[in-house]
Amino acid sequence: MNTPSPAHTHVEQHMQSSAILTDIVIGMSDGLTVPFALAAGLSGAVPQSQHHLIWIAGLAEIAAGSIAMGLGGYLAGRTEVDHYNSELKREYEEVASVPDREREEVREFFSNLGLSKDLQEQAVDEMTKDKDKWVDFMMKYELGLDKPDPQRARKSAFNIGVSYIIGGLIPLSPYFFTSDGITGLKLSAVITLCCLFVFGYFKSKMTGVHPLGGAIRVMVIGALAAGCAFAVARMIQF
């Protein structure tokens, strides 16, 4: 019976994140923290008889925040596409106007890989036969730019906006079912801090950071933000 060699049993453990996961992390991170801090601050300032103002203001903030965050994601995605297209146009112009210099840059790339001069020449000739492939090669290996999804801006805006809304409703939901702001704040703190811990754990695991340490860090940041907002509101009130 043949034993598999280490080359066949080795499994790569590198983390592969996606654009969707990045958007969700951005939206959920702010969605959990900002409305939580706002509601905590209002809990320390709004009279108990008017605690409904907390969730009204919270819903307004979630609406505004999701639009702002989504717009930010859209602009970032649009900028990425525009930048790529601008560099692509410039690269086509350089291939047409200074082909010898561009061929030399391709040769340098293969030289850095350790290929012999003969193989370098063969690789350069093969790569520069097709102008489109040549330009794509230069975009990726000279400029370090991968072709972005043309729908990236819209997808990013949607993903971030929806994630912000979902995250924001978590700390706000207890205020719908309580008769006073302080009780709502206590329930909101328990629920939100638990969610921040879980969110921080998986976020850290995705990015290769120590999961437990990352979870505690995210939870502490959320707690500090809410605590400061509540304390400031109390001080202003008095």
C-alpha atoms as a PDB file:
ATOM      1  CA  MET A   1       0.000   0.000   0.000  1.00  0.00           C
ATOM      2  CA  ASN A   2       1.458   3.328  -1.094  1.00  0.00           C
ATOM      3  CA  THR A   3       1.600   6.133   1.430  1.00  0.00           C
ATOM      4  CA  PRO A   4       0.691   9.572   0.032  1.00  0.00           C
ATOM      5  CA  SER A   5       3.699  11.850  -0.098  1.00  0.00           C
ATOM      6  CA  PRO A   6       3.698  15.131   1.811  1.00  0.00           C
ATOM      7  CA  ALA A   7       3.387  16.956  -1.509  1.00  0.00           C
ATOM      8  CA  HIS A   8       0.028  15.296  -2.071  1.00  0.00           C
ATOM      9  CA  THR A   9      -1.319  15.742   1.459  1.00  0.00           C
ATOM     10  CA  HIS A  10      -0.311  19.373   2.029  1.00  0.00           C
ATOM     11  CA  VAL A  11      -3.318  21.673   2.277  1.00  0.00           C
ATOM     12  CA  GLU A  12      -2.919  25.423   1.960  1.00  0.00           C
ATOM     13  CA  GLN A  13      -4.294  27.257   4.993  1.00  0.00           C
ATOM     14  CA  HIS A  14      -4.237  30.796   3.596  1.00  0.00           C
ATOM     15  CA  MET A  15      -7.412  32.796   4.140  1.00  0.00           C
ATOM     16  CA  GLN A  16      -9.219  33.890   0.992  1.00  0.00           C
ATOM     17  CA  SER A  17     -11.553  36.810   1.638  1.00  0.00           C
ATOM     18  CA  SER A  18     -14.048  38.088  -0.904  1.00  0.00           C
ATOM     19  CA  ALA A  19     -15.393  41.506  -1.763  1.00  0.00           C
ATOM     20  CA  ILE A  20     -18.802  40.530  -0.354  1.00  0.00           C
ATOM     21  CA  LEU A  21     -17.330  39.545   3.006  1.00  0.00           C
ATOM     22  CA  THR A  22     -15.387  42.817   3.097  1.00  0.00           C
ATOM     23  CA  ASP A  23     -18.583  44.782   2.473  1.00  0.00           C
ATOM     24  CA  ILE A  24     -20.461  42.869   5.163  1.00  0.00           C
ATOM     25  CA  VAL A  25     -17.688  43.475   7.679  1.00  0.00           C
ATOM     26  CA  ILE A  26     -17.679  47.223   6.923  1.00  0.00           C
ATOM     27  CA  GLY A  27     -21.462  47.539   7.146  1.00  0.00           C
ATOM     28  CA  MET A  28     -21.977  45.327  10.188  1.00  0.00           C
ATOM     29  CA  SER A  29     -19.095  46.866  12.111  1.00  0.00           C
ATOM     30  CA  ASP A  30     -20.506  50.396  11.939  1.00  0.00           C
ATOM     31  CA  GLY A  31     -24.111  49.190  12.065  1.00  0.00           C
ATOM     32  CA  LEU A  32     -23.596  47.468  15.403  1.00  0.00           C
ATOM     33  CA  THR A  33     -21.514  50.241  16.972  1.00  0.00           C
ATOM     34  CA  VAL A  34     -22.964  53.602  15.890  1.00  0.00           C
ATOM     35  CA  PRO A  35     -26.692  53.021  16.624  1.00  0.00           C
ATOM     36  CA  PHE A  36     -25.701  51.287  19.885  1.00  0.00           C
ATOM     37  CA  ALA A  37     -23.739  54.343  21.008  1.00  0.00           C
ATOM     38  CA  LEU A  38     -26.494  56.724  19.853  1.00  0.00           C
ATOM     39  CA  ALA A  39     -29.212  54.804  21.699  1.00  0.00           C
ATOM     40  CA  ALA A  40     -27.028  54.644  24.817  1.00  0.00           C
ATOM     41  CA  GLY A  41     -26.484  58.387  24.720  1.00  0.00           C
ATOM     42  CA  LEU A  42     -30.184  59.087  24.248  1.00  0.00           C
ATOM     43  CA  SER A  43     -31.003  56.710  27.102  1.00  0.00           C
ATOM     44  CA  GLY A  44     -29.029  58.967  29.398  1.00  0.00           C
ATOM     45  CA  ALA A  45     -30.671  62.161  28.132  1.00  0.00           C
ATOM     46  CA  VAL A  46     -34.274  61.421  27.157  1.00  0.00           C
ATOM     47  CA  PRO A  47     -36.896  61.456  29.955  1.00  0.00           C
ATOM     48  CA  GLN A  48     -38.311  58.027  30.731  1.00  0.00           C
ATOM     49  CA  SER A  49     -41.776  59.137  29.641  1.00  0.00           C
ATOM     50  CA  GLN A  50     -40.433  59.871  26.172  1.00  0.00           C
ATOM     51  CA  HIS A  51     -38.324  56.779  25.631  1.00  0.00           C
ATOM     52  CA  HIS A  52     -40.018  56.257  22.243  1.00  0.00           C
ATOM     53  CA  LEU A  53     -37.800  59.081  20.965  1.00  0.00           C
ATOM     54  CA  ILE A  54     -34.838  56.709  21.320  1.00  0.00           C
ATOM     55  CA  TRP A  55     -35.999  54.222  18.736  1.00  0.00           C
ATOM     56  CA  ILE A  56     -37.386  56.969  16.496  1.00  0.00           C
ATOM     57  CA  ALA A  57     -33.990  58.680  16.460  1.00  0.00           C
ATOM     58  CA  GLY A  58     -32.322  55.288  16.120  1.00  0.00           C
ATOM     59  CA  LEU A  59     -34.348  54.385  13.047  1.00  0.00           C
ATOM     60  CA  ALA A  60     -33.570  57.779  11.520  1.00  0.00           C
ATOM     61  CA  GLU A  61     -29.865  57.217  12.157  1.00  0.00           C
ATOM     62  CA  ILE A  62     -29.970  53.728  10.639  1.00  0.00           C
ATOM     63  CA  ALA A  63     -31.681  55.103   7.525  1.00  0.00           C
ATOM     64  CA  ALA A  64     -29.185  57.935   7.169  1.00  0.00           C
ATOM     65  CA  GLY A  65     -26.200  55.773   8.086  1.00  0.00           C
ATOM     66  CA  SER A  66     -27.056  52.997   5.641  1.00  0.00           C
ATOM     67  CA  ILE A  67     -27.435  55.532   2.814  1.00  0.00           C
ATOM     68  CA  ALA A  68     -24.158  57.256   3.710  1.00  0.00           C
ATOM     69  CA  MET A  69     -22.263  53.983   4.078  1.00  0.00           C
ATOM     70  CA  GLY A  70     -23.777  52.580   0.891  1.00  0.00           C
ATOM     71  CA  LEU A  71     -22.881  55.737  -1.004  1.00  0.00           C
ATOM     72  CA  GLY A  72     -19.337  55.501   0.326  1.00  0.00           C
ATOM     73  CA  GLY A  73     -19.125  51.916  -0.918  1.00  0.00           C
ATOM     74  CA  TYR A  74     -20.524  52.942  -4.301  1.00  0.00           C
ATOM     75  CA  LEU A  75     -18.017  55.761  -4.721  1.00  0.00           C
ATOM     76  CA  ALA A  76     -15.137  53.499  -3.678  1.00  0.00           C
ATOM     77  CA  GLY A  77     -16.202  50.842  -6.197  1.00  0.00           C
ATOM     78  CA  ARG A  78     -16.720  53.448  -8.918  1.00  0.00           C
ATOM     79  CA  THR A  79     -13.305  54.959  -8.238  1.00  0.00           C
ATOM     80  CA  GLU A  80     -11.687  51.521  -8.525  1.00  0.00           C
ATOM     81  CA  VAL A  81     -13.317  50.927 -11.926  1.00  0.00           C
ATOM     82  CA  ASP A  82     -12.481  54.424 -13.202  1.00  0.00           C
ATOM     83  CA  HIS A  83      -8.869  54.090 -12.070  1.00  0.00           C
ATOM     84  CA  TYR A  84      -8.511  50.724 -13.801  1.00  0.00           C
ATOM     85  CA  ASN A  85     -10.015  52.039 -17.045  1.00  0.00           C
ATOM     86  CA  SER A  86      -7.747  55.090 -16.953  1.00  0.00           C
ATOM     87  CA  GLU A  87      -4.629  52.961 -16.485  1.00  0.00           C
ATOM     88  CA  LEU A  88      -5.842  50.501 -19.149  1.00  0.00           C
ATOM     89  CA  LYS A  89      -6.183  53.309 -21.695  1.00  0.00           C
ATOM     90  CA  ARG A  90      -2.711  54.614 -20.809  1.00  0.00           C
ATOM     91  CA  GLU A  91      -1.201  51.135 -21.130  1.00  0.00           C
ATOM     92  CA  TYR A  92      -2.683  50.645 -24.606  1.00  0.00           C
ATOM     93  CA  GLU A  93      -1.216  54.003 -25.631  1.00  0.00           C
ATOM     94  CA  GLU A  94       2.228  53.037 -24.302  1.00  0.00           C
ATOM     95  CA  VAL A  95       2.171  49.661 -26.061  1.00  0.00           C
ATOM     96  CA  ALA A  96       1.364  51.467 -29.312  1.00  0.00           C
ATOM     97  CA  SER A  97       3.796  54.392 -28.914  1.00  0.00           C
ATOM     98  CA  VAL A  98       6.792  52.850 -27.107  1.00  0.00           C
ATOM     99  CA  PRO A  99       6.574  49.073 -27.732  1.00  0.00           C
ATOM    100  CA  ASP A 100      10.326  48.524 -27.249  1.00  0.00           C
ATOM    101  CA  ARG A 101      10.221  49.947 -23.741  1.00  0.00           C
ATOM    102  CA  GLU A 102       7.152  47.887 -22.888  1.00  0.00           C
ATOM    103  CA  ARG A 103       8.823  44.741 -24.241  1.00  0.00           C
ATOM    104  CA  GLU A 104      11.809  45.476 -22.030  1.00  0.00           C
ATOM    105  CA  GLU A 105       9.523  45.697 -18.984  1.00  0.00           C
ATOM    106  CA  VAL A 106       8.077  42.298 -19.864  1.00  0.00           C
ATOM    107  CA  ARG A 107      11.614  40.928 -20.232  1.00  0.00           C
ATOM    108  CA  GLU A 108      12.541  42.298 -16.803  1.00  0.00           C
ATOM    109  CA  PHE A 109       9.605  40.453 -15.267  1.00  0.00           C
ATOM    110  CA  PHE A 110      10.707  37.108 -16.700  1.00  0.00           C
ATOM    111  CA  SER A 111      14.310  37.870 -15.810  1.00  0.00           C
ATOM    112  CA  ASN A 112      13.283  38.343 -12.177  1.00  0.00           C
ATOM    113  CA  LEU A 113      11.695  34.889 -12.309  1.00  0.00           C
ATOM    114  CA  GLY A 114      15.149  33.465 -13.040  1.00  0.00           C
ATOM    115  CA  LEU A 115      14.557  32.411 -16.653  1.00  0.00           C
ATOM    116  CA  SER A 116      17.505  32.131 -19.004  1.00  0.00           C
ATOM    117  CA  LYS A 117      17.970  34.761 -21.719  1.00  0.00           C
ATOM    118  CA  ASP A 118      16.710  32.402 -24.415  1.00  0.00           C
ATOM    119  CA  LEU A 119      13.584  31.576 -22.446  1.00  0.00           C
ATOM    120  CA  GLN A 120      13.098  35.269 -21.689  1.00  0.00           C
ATOM    121  CA  GLU A 121      13.089  36.088 -25.395  1.00  0.00           C
ATOM    122  CA  GLN A 122      10.667  33.250 -26.156  1.00  0.00           C
ATOM    123  CA  ALA A 123       8.335  34.338 -23.346  1.00  0.00           C
ATOM    124  CA  VAL A 124       8.448  37.991 -24.441  1.00  0.00           C
ATOM    125  CA  ASP A 125       7.729  37.084 -28.061  1.00  0.00           C
ATOM    126  CA  GLU A 126       4.830  34.862 -27.034  1.00  0.00           C
ATOM    127  CA  MET A 127       3.381  37.417 -24.635  1.00  0.00           C
ATOM    128  CA  THR A 128       3.559  40.374 -27.035  1.00  0.00           C
ATOM    129  CA  LYS A 129       1.935  38.624 -30.019  1.00  0.00           C
ATOM    130  CA  ASP A 130      -1.541  39.608 -28.852  1.00  0.00           C
ATOM    131  CA  LYS A 131      -1.918  43.269 -27.850  1.00  0.00           C
ATOM    132  CA  ASP A 132      -4.867  42.590 -25.510  1.00  0.00           C
ATOM    133  CA  LYS A 133      -3.042  39.823 -23.655  1.00  0.00           C
ATOM    134  CA  TRP A 134       0.064  42.001 -23.569  1.00  0.00           C
ATOM    135  CA  VAL A 135      -1.809  44.894 -21.987  1.00  0.00           C
ATOM    136  CA  ASP A 136      -3.595  42.599 -19.520  1.00  0.00           C
ATOM    137  CA  PHE A 137      -0.217  41.192 -18.511  1.00  0.00           C
ATOM    138  CA  MET A 138       1.209  44.680 -17.954  1.00  0.00           C
ATOM    139  CA  MET A 139      -1.854  45.764 -15.955  1.00  0.00           C
ATOM    140  CA  LYS A 140      -1.558  42.808 -13.619  1.00  0.00           C
ATOM    141  CA  TYR A 141       2.180  42.359 -13.214  1.00  0.00           C
ATOM    142  CA  GLU A 142       3.535  45.858 -13.788  1.00  0.00           C
ATOM    143  CA  LEU A 143       0.785  47.896 -12.123  1.00  0.00           C
ATOM    144  CA  GLY A 144      -0.625  45.193  -9.829  1.00  0.00           C
ATOM    145  CA  LEU A 145      -4.196  45.842 -11.012  1.00  0.00           C
ATOM    146  CA  ASP A 146      -6.788  43.123 -11.535  1.00  0.00           C
ATOM    147  CA  LYS A 147      -9.799  43.860 -13.703  1.00  0.00           C
ATOM    148  CA  PRO A 148     -12.618  44.935 -11.351  1.00  0.00           C
ATOM    149  CA  ASP A 149     -16.213  43.801 -11.614  1.00  0.00           C
ATOM    150  CA  PRO A 150     -18.064  46.565 -13.542  1.00  0.00           C
ATOM    151  CA  GLN A 151     -21.041  46.028 -11.214  1.00  0.00           C
ATOM    152  CA  ARG A 152     -18.814  46.234  -8.130  1.00  0.00           C
ATOM    153  CA  ALA A 153     -19.969  49.741  -7.157  1.00  0.00           C
ATOM    154  CA  ARG A 154     -23.675  48.830  -7.072  1.00  0.00           C
ATOM    155  CA  LYS A 155     -23.074  45.517  -5.344  1.00  0.00           C
ATOM    156  CA  SER A 156     -20.863  47.164  -2.728  1.00  0.00           C
ATOM    157  CA  ALA A 157     -23.432  49.894  -2.033  1.00  0.00           C
ATOM    158  CA  PHE A 158     -26.169  47.294  -1.571  1.00  0.00           C
ATOM    159  CA  ASN A 159     -24.106  44.927   0.565  1.00  0.00           C
ATOM    160  CA  ILE A 160     -22.801  47.644   2.886  1.00  0.00           C
ATOM    161  CA  GLY A 161     -26.171  49.397   3.181  1.00  0.00           C
ATOM    162  CA  VAL A 162     -28.104  46.218   4.001  1.00  0.00           C
ATOM    163  CA  SER A 163     -25.424  45.041   6.436  1.00  0.00           C
ATOM    164  CA  TYR A 164     -25.564  48.384   8.211  1.00  0.00           C
ATOM    165  CA  ILE A 165     -29.358  48.142   8.564  1.00  0.00           C
ATOM    166  CA  ILE A 166     -29.196  44.592   9.924  1.00  0.00           C
ATOM    167  CA  GLY A 167     -26.405  45.514  12.320  1.00  0.00           C
ATOM    168  CA  GLY A 168     -28.180  48.692  13.440  1.00  0.00           C
ATOM    169  CA  LEU A 169     -31.481  46.973  14.215  1.00  0.00           C
ATOM    170  CA  ILE A 170     -29.797  44.613  16.683  1.00  0.00           C
ATOM    171  CA  PRO A 171     -28.950  47.211  19.390  1.00  0.00           C
ATOM    172  CA  LEU A 172     -32.142  49.148  18.703  1.00  0.00           C
ATOM    173  CA  SER A 173     -34.611  46.243  18.880  1.00  0.00           C
ATOM    174  CA  PRO A 174     -34.881  46.045  22.725  1.00  0.00           C
ATOM    175  CA  TYR A 175     -36.197  49.610  22.868  1.00  0.00           C
ATOM    176  CA  PHE A 176     -39.298  48.539  20.956  1.00  0.00           C
ATOM    177  CA  PHE A 177     -40.329  46.174  23.745  1.00  0.00           C
ATOM    178  CA  THR A 178     -39.413  48.066  26.919  1.00  0.00           C
ATOM    179  CA  SER A 179     -41.223  50.802  28.790  1.00  0.00           C
ATOM    180  CA  ASP A 180     -38.169  52.926  29.656  1.00  0.00           C
ATOM    181  CA  GLY A 181     -34.813  53.788  28.153  1.00  0.00           C
ATOM    182  CA  ILE A 182     -32.606  52.394  30.931  1.00  0.00           C
ATOM    183  CA  THR A 183     -34.190  48.949  30.742  1.00  0.00           C
ATOM    184  CA  GLY A 184     -33.858  49.072  26.967  1.00  0.00           C
ATOM    185  CA  LEU A 185     -30.213  50.065  27.336  1.00  0.00           C
ATOM    186  CA  LYS A 186     -29.473  47.136  29.655  1.00  0.00           C
ATOM    187  CA  LEU A 187     -31.017  44.621  27.265  1.00  0.00           C
ATOM    188  CA  SER A 188     -29.403  46.326  24.274  1.00  0.00           C
ATOM    189  CA  ALA A 189     -25.991  46.204  25.944  1.00  0.00           C
ATOM    190  CA  VAL A 190     -26.236  42.469  26.629  1.00  0.00           C
ATOM    191  CA  ILE A 191     -27.470  41.599  23.133  1.00  0.00           C
ATOM    192  CA  THR A 192     -25.135  43.967  21.273  1.00  0.00           C
ATOM    193  CA  LEU A 193     -22.004  43.074  23.215  1.00  0.00           C
ATOM    194  CA  CYS A 194     -22.658  39.383  22.600  1.00  0.00           C
ATOM    195  CA  CYS A 195     -23.154  40.088  18.882  1.00  0.00           C
ATOM    196  CA  LEU A 196     -19.997  42.228  18.789  1.00  0.00           C
ATOM    197  CA  PHE A 197     -18.066  39.388  20.404  1.00  0.00           C
ATOM    198  CA  VAL A 198     -19.325  36.850  17.856  1.00  0.00           C
ATOM    199  CA  PHE A 199     -18.819  39.302  14.989  1.00  0.00           C
ATOM    200  CA  GLY A 200     -15.311  40.154  16.175  1.00  0.00           C
ATOM    201  CA  TYR A 201     -14.468  36.467  16.533  1.00  0.00           C
ATOM    202  CA  PHE A 202     -15.387  35.563  12.955  1.00  0.00           C
ATOM    203  CA  LYS A 203     -13.960  38.799  11.562  1.00  0.00           C
ATOM    204  CA  SER A 204     -10.631  38.061  13.246  1.00  0.00           C
ATOM    205  CA  LYS A 205     -10.702  34.453  12.080  1.00  0.00           C
ATOM    206  CA  MET A 206     -11.242  35.628   8.504  1.00  0.00           C
ATOM    207  CA  THR A 207      -8.372  38.097   8.617  1.00  0.00           C
ATOM    208  CA  GLY A 208      -5.927  35.754  10.343  1.00  0.00           C
ATOM    209  CA  VAL A 209      -5.905  37.609  13.683  1.00  0.00           C
ATOM    210  CA  HIS A 210      -6.194  35.690  16.964  1.00  0.00           C
ATOM    211  CA  PRO A 211      -9.999  35.125  17.158  1.00  0.00           C
ATOM    212  CA  LEU A 212     -10.461  35.501  20.919  1.00  0.00           C
ATOM    213  CA  GLY A 213      -8.305  38.617  21.168  1.00  0.00           C
ATOM    214  CA  GLY A 214     -10.026  40.166  18.147  1.00  0.00           C
ATOM    215  CA  ALA A 215     -13.474  39.379  19.550  1.00  0.00           C
ATOM    216  CA  ILE A 216     -12.672  40.993  22.903  1.00  0.00           C
ATOM    217  CA  ARG A 217     -11.170  44.037  21.171  1.00  0.00           C
ATOM    218  CA  VAL A 218     -14.285  44.622  19.040  1.00  0.00           C
ATOM    219  CA  MET A 219     -16.573  44.139  22.035  1.00  0.00           C
ATOM    220  CA  VAL A 220     -14.568  46.555  24.208  1.00  0.00           C
ATOM    221  CA  ILE A 221     -14.592  49.233  21.494  1.00  0.00           C
ATOM    222  CA  GLY A 222     -18.381  48.991  21.234  1.00  0.00           C
ATOM    223  CA  ALA A 223     -18.775  49.114  25.010  1.00  0.00           C
ATOM    224  CA  LEU A 224     -16.497  52.155  25.303  1.00  0.00           C
ATOM    225  CA  ALA A 225     -18.355  54.004  22.548  1.00  0.00           C
ATOM    226  CA  ALA A 226     -21.732  53.389  24.195  1.00  0.00           C
ATOM    227  CA  GLY A 227     -20.399  54.133  27.685  1.00  0.00           C
ATOM    228  CA  CYS A 228     -18.867  57.447  26.614  1.00  0.00           C
ATOM    229  CA  ALA A 229     -22.060  58.486  24.820  1.00  0.00           C
ATOM    230  CA  PHE A 230     -24.154  57.672  27.902  1.00  0.00           C
ATOM    231  CA  ALA A 231     -21.759  59.495  30.236  1.00  0.00           C
ATOM    232  CA  VAL A 232     -21.637  62.625  28.078  1.00  0.00           C
ATOM    233  CA  ALA A 233     -25.430  62.687  27.814  1.00  0.00           C
ATOM    234  CA  ARG A 234     -25.725  62.423  31.609  1.00  0.00           C
ATOM    235  CA  MET A 235     -23.228  65.204  32.172  1.00  0.00           C
ATOM    236  CA  ILE A 236     -24.988  67.528  29.724  1.00  0.00           C
ATOM    237  CA  GLN A 237     -28.332  66.709  31.278  1.00  0.00           C
ATOM    238  CA  PHE A 238     -27.130  67.736  34.727  1.00  0.00           C
END
